[in-house]
C-alpha atoms as a PDB file:
ATOM      1  CA  UNK A   1       0.000   0.000   0.000  1.00  0.00           C
ATOM      2  CA  UNK A   2       1.508   3.319  -1.030  1.00  0.00           C
ATOM      3  CA  UNK A   3       1.388   6.351   1.202  1.00  0.00           C
ATOM      4  CA  UNK A   4       0.560   9.859   0.090  1.00  0.00           C
ATOM      5  CA  UNK A   5       2.466  13.045   0.805  1.00  0.00           C
ATOM      6  CA  UNK A   6       0.907  13.354   4.273  1.00  0.00           C
ATOM      7  CA  UNK A   7       1.865   9.840   5.294  1.00  0.00           C
ATOM      8  CA  UNK A   8      -1.674   8.476   5.019  1.00  0.00           C
ATOM      9  CA  UNK A   9      -2.495   5.452   2.929  1.00  0.00           C
ATOM     10  CA  UNK A  10      -5.333   7.218   1.172  1.00  0.00           C
ATOM     11  CA  UNK A  11      -7.070  10.529   0.784  1.00  0.00           C
ATOM     12  CA  UNK A  12     -10.222   9.065   2.308  1.00  0.00           C
ATOM     13  CA  UNK A  13      -8.300   8.067   5.466  1.00  0.00           C
ATOM     14  CA  UNK A  14      -6.993  11.622   5.763  1.00  0.00           C
ATOM     15  CA  UNK A  15     -10.512  13.044   5.324  1.00  0.00           C
ATOM     16  CA  UNK A  16     -11.888  10.645   7.936  1.00  0.00           C
ATOM     17  CA  UNK A  17      -9.272  11.765  10.457  1.00  0.00           C
ATOM     18  CA  UNK A  18      -9.827  15.424   9.605  1.00  0.00           C
ATOM     19  CA  UNK A  19     -13.593  15.096  10.138  1.00  0.00           C
ATOM     20  CA  UNK A  20     -12.949  13.660  13.614  1.00  0.00           C
ATOM     21  CA  UNK A  21     -10.498  16.406  14.594  1.00  0.00           C
ATOM     22  CA  UNK A  22     -12.253  19.499  13.152  1.00  0.00           C
ATOM     23  CA  UNK A  23     -15.169  19.504  15.651  1.00  0.00           C
ATOM     24  CA  UNK A  24     -12.689  19.270  18.538  1.00  0.00           C
ATOM     25  CA  UNK A  25     -10.715  22.243  17.256  1.00  0.00           C
ATOM     26  CA  UNK A  26     -13.918  24.222  16.650  1.00  0.00           C
ATOM     27  CA  UNK A  27     -15.171  23.468  20.174  1.00  0.00           C
ATOM     28  CA  UNK A  28     -11.845  24.594  21.640  1.00  0.00           C
ATOM     29  CA  UNK A  29     -12.134  27.909  19.798  1.00  0.00           C
ATOM     30  CA  UNK A  30      -9.088  27.453  17.560  1.00  0.00           C
ATOM     31  CA  UNK A  31     -10.470  29.200  14.445  1.00  0.00           C
ATOM     32  CA  UNK A  32     -11.251  32.381  16.388  1.00  0.00           C
ATOM     33  CA  UNK A  33      -7.968  32.220  18.313  1.00  0.00           C
ATOM     34  CA  UNK A  34      -6.009  32.013  15.066  1.00  0.00           C
ATOM     35  CA  UNK A  35      -7.832  35.053  13.709  1.00  0.00           C
ATOM     36  CA  UNK A  36      -6.947  37.042  16.850  1.00  0.00           C
ATOM     37  CA  UNK A  37      -3.213  36.340  16.667  1.00  0.00           C
ATOM     38  CA  UNK A  38      -1.186  39.562  16.592  1.00  0.00           C
ATOM     39  CA  UNK A  39       0.115  40.367  13.157  1.00  0.00           C
ATOM     40  CA  UNK A  40       2.900  42.746  12.163  1.00  0.00           C
ATOM     41  CA  UNK A  41       1.932  46.085  10.654  1.00  0.00           C
ATOM     42  CA  UNK A  42       1.947  46.236   6.891  1.00  0.00           C
ATOM     43  CA  UNK A  43       4.709  48.517   5.751  1.00  0.00           C
ATOM     44  CA  UNK A  44       5.810  49.926   2.441  1.00  0.00           C
ATOM     45  CA  UNK A  45       9.392  50.989   1.854  1.00  0.00           C
ATOM     46  CA  UNK A  46       9.900  53.790  -0.629  1.00  0.00           C
ATOM     47  CA  UNK A  47      13.255  54.191  -2.342  1.00  0.00           C
ATOM     48  CA  UNK A  48      13.996  57.917  -2.304  1.00  0.00           C
ATOM     49  CA  UNK A  49      16.317  58.140  -5.304  1.00  0.00           C
ATOM     50  CA  UNK A  50      14.579  55.747  -7.650  1.00  0.00           C
ATOM     51  CA  UNK A  51      11.197  55.786  -9.285  1.00  0.00           C
ATOM     52  CA  UNK A  52       9.571  52.443  -9.860  1.00  0.00           C
ATOM     53  CA  UNK A  53       6.973  51.909 -12.531  1.00  0.00           C
ATOM     54  CA  UNK A  54       4.487  49.185 -11.828  1.00  0.00           C
ATOM     55  CA  UNK A  55       2.177  47.984 -14.524  1.00  0.00           C
ATOM     56  CA  UNK A  56       0.003  44.986 -14.940  1.00  0.00           C
ATOM     57  CA  UNK A  57      -1.724  43.458 -17.891  1.00  0.00           C
ATOM     58  CA  UNK A  58      -4.389  40.788 -17.540  1.00  0.00           C
ATOM     59  CA  UNK A  59      -3.104  37.510 -18.910  1.00  0.00           C
ATOM     60  CA  UNK A  60      -4.954  34.398 -20.006  1.00  0.00           C
ATOM     61  CA  UNK A  61      -3.359  30.955 -20.064  1.00  0.00           C
ATOM     62  CA  UNK A  62      -4.113  28.177 -22.505  1.00  0.00           C
ATOM     63  CA  UNK A  63      -4.146  24.483 -21.640  1.00  0.00           C
ATOM     64  CA  UNK A  64      -0.362  24.312 -22.200  1.00  0.00           C
ATOM     65  CA  UNK A  65       0.286  27.152 -19.746  1.00  0.00           C
ATOM     66  CA  UNK A  66       1.201  29.688 -22.431  1.00  0.00           C
ATOM     67  CA  UNK A  67       0.282  33.215 -21.268  1.00  0.00           C
ATOM     68  CA  UNK A  68      -1.513  35.579 -23.656  1.00  0.00           C
ATOM     69  CA  UNK A  69      -2.762  39.140 -23.468  1.00  0.00           C
ATOM     70  CA  UNK A  70      -6.522  39.167 -24.109  1.00  0.00           C
ATOM     71  CA  UNK A  71      -6.167  40.421 -27.692  1.00  0.00           C
ATOM     72  CA  UNK A  72      -3.485  37.803 -28.465  1.00  0.00           C
ATOM     73  CA  UNK A  73      -5.640  35.056 -26.970  1.00  0.00           C
ATOM     74  CA  UNK A  74      -8.596  36.093 -29.134  1.00  0.00           C
ATOM     75  CA  UNK A  75      -6.377  36.130 -32.241  1.00  0.00           C
ATOM     76  CA  UNK A  76      -5.018  32.652 -31.437  1.00  0.00           C
ATOM     77  CA  UNK A  77      -8.526  31.341 -30.794  1.00  0.00           C
ATOM     78  CA  UNK A  78      -9.737  32.837 -34.066  1.00  0.00           C
ATOM     79  CA  UNK A  79      -6.868  31.115 -35.916  1.00  0.00           C
ATOM     80  CA  UNK A  80      -7.742  27.828 -34.199  1.00  0.00           C
ATOM     81  CA  UNK A  81     -11.406  28.093 -35.249  1.00  0.00           C
ATOM     82  CA  UNK A  82     -10.460  29.010 -38.824  1.00  0.00           C
ATOM     83  CA  UNK A  83      -7.963  26.142 -39.132  1.00  0.00           C
ATOM     84  CA  UNK A  84     -10.240  23.551 -37.571  1.00  0.00           C
END
């Protein structure tokens, strides 16, 4: 019997154990306690001498993981439809 990444023999065994433990953690108040943990302040460091330019372009990925700008994706899809 092979074991998965978590050391369990199957995903269903892991889910069974998780379903037994979750109510205990909920009853003990763990979800709320985790949300109340102190967190560091969010900070932003600005470089005084340099000006950064940030830009973003929405990208679409095909089934092979190739990234396309929306207009390039539409052109590739149009070529696919025409050729097929």
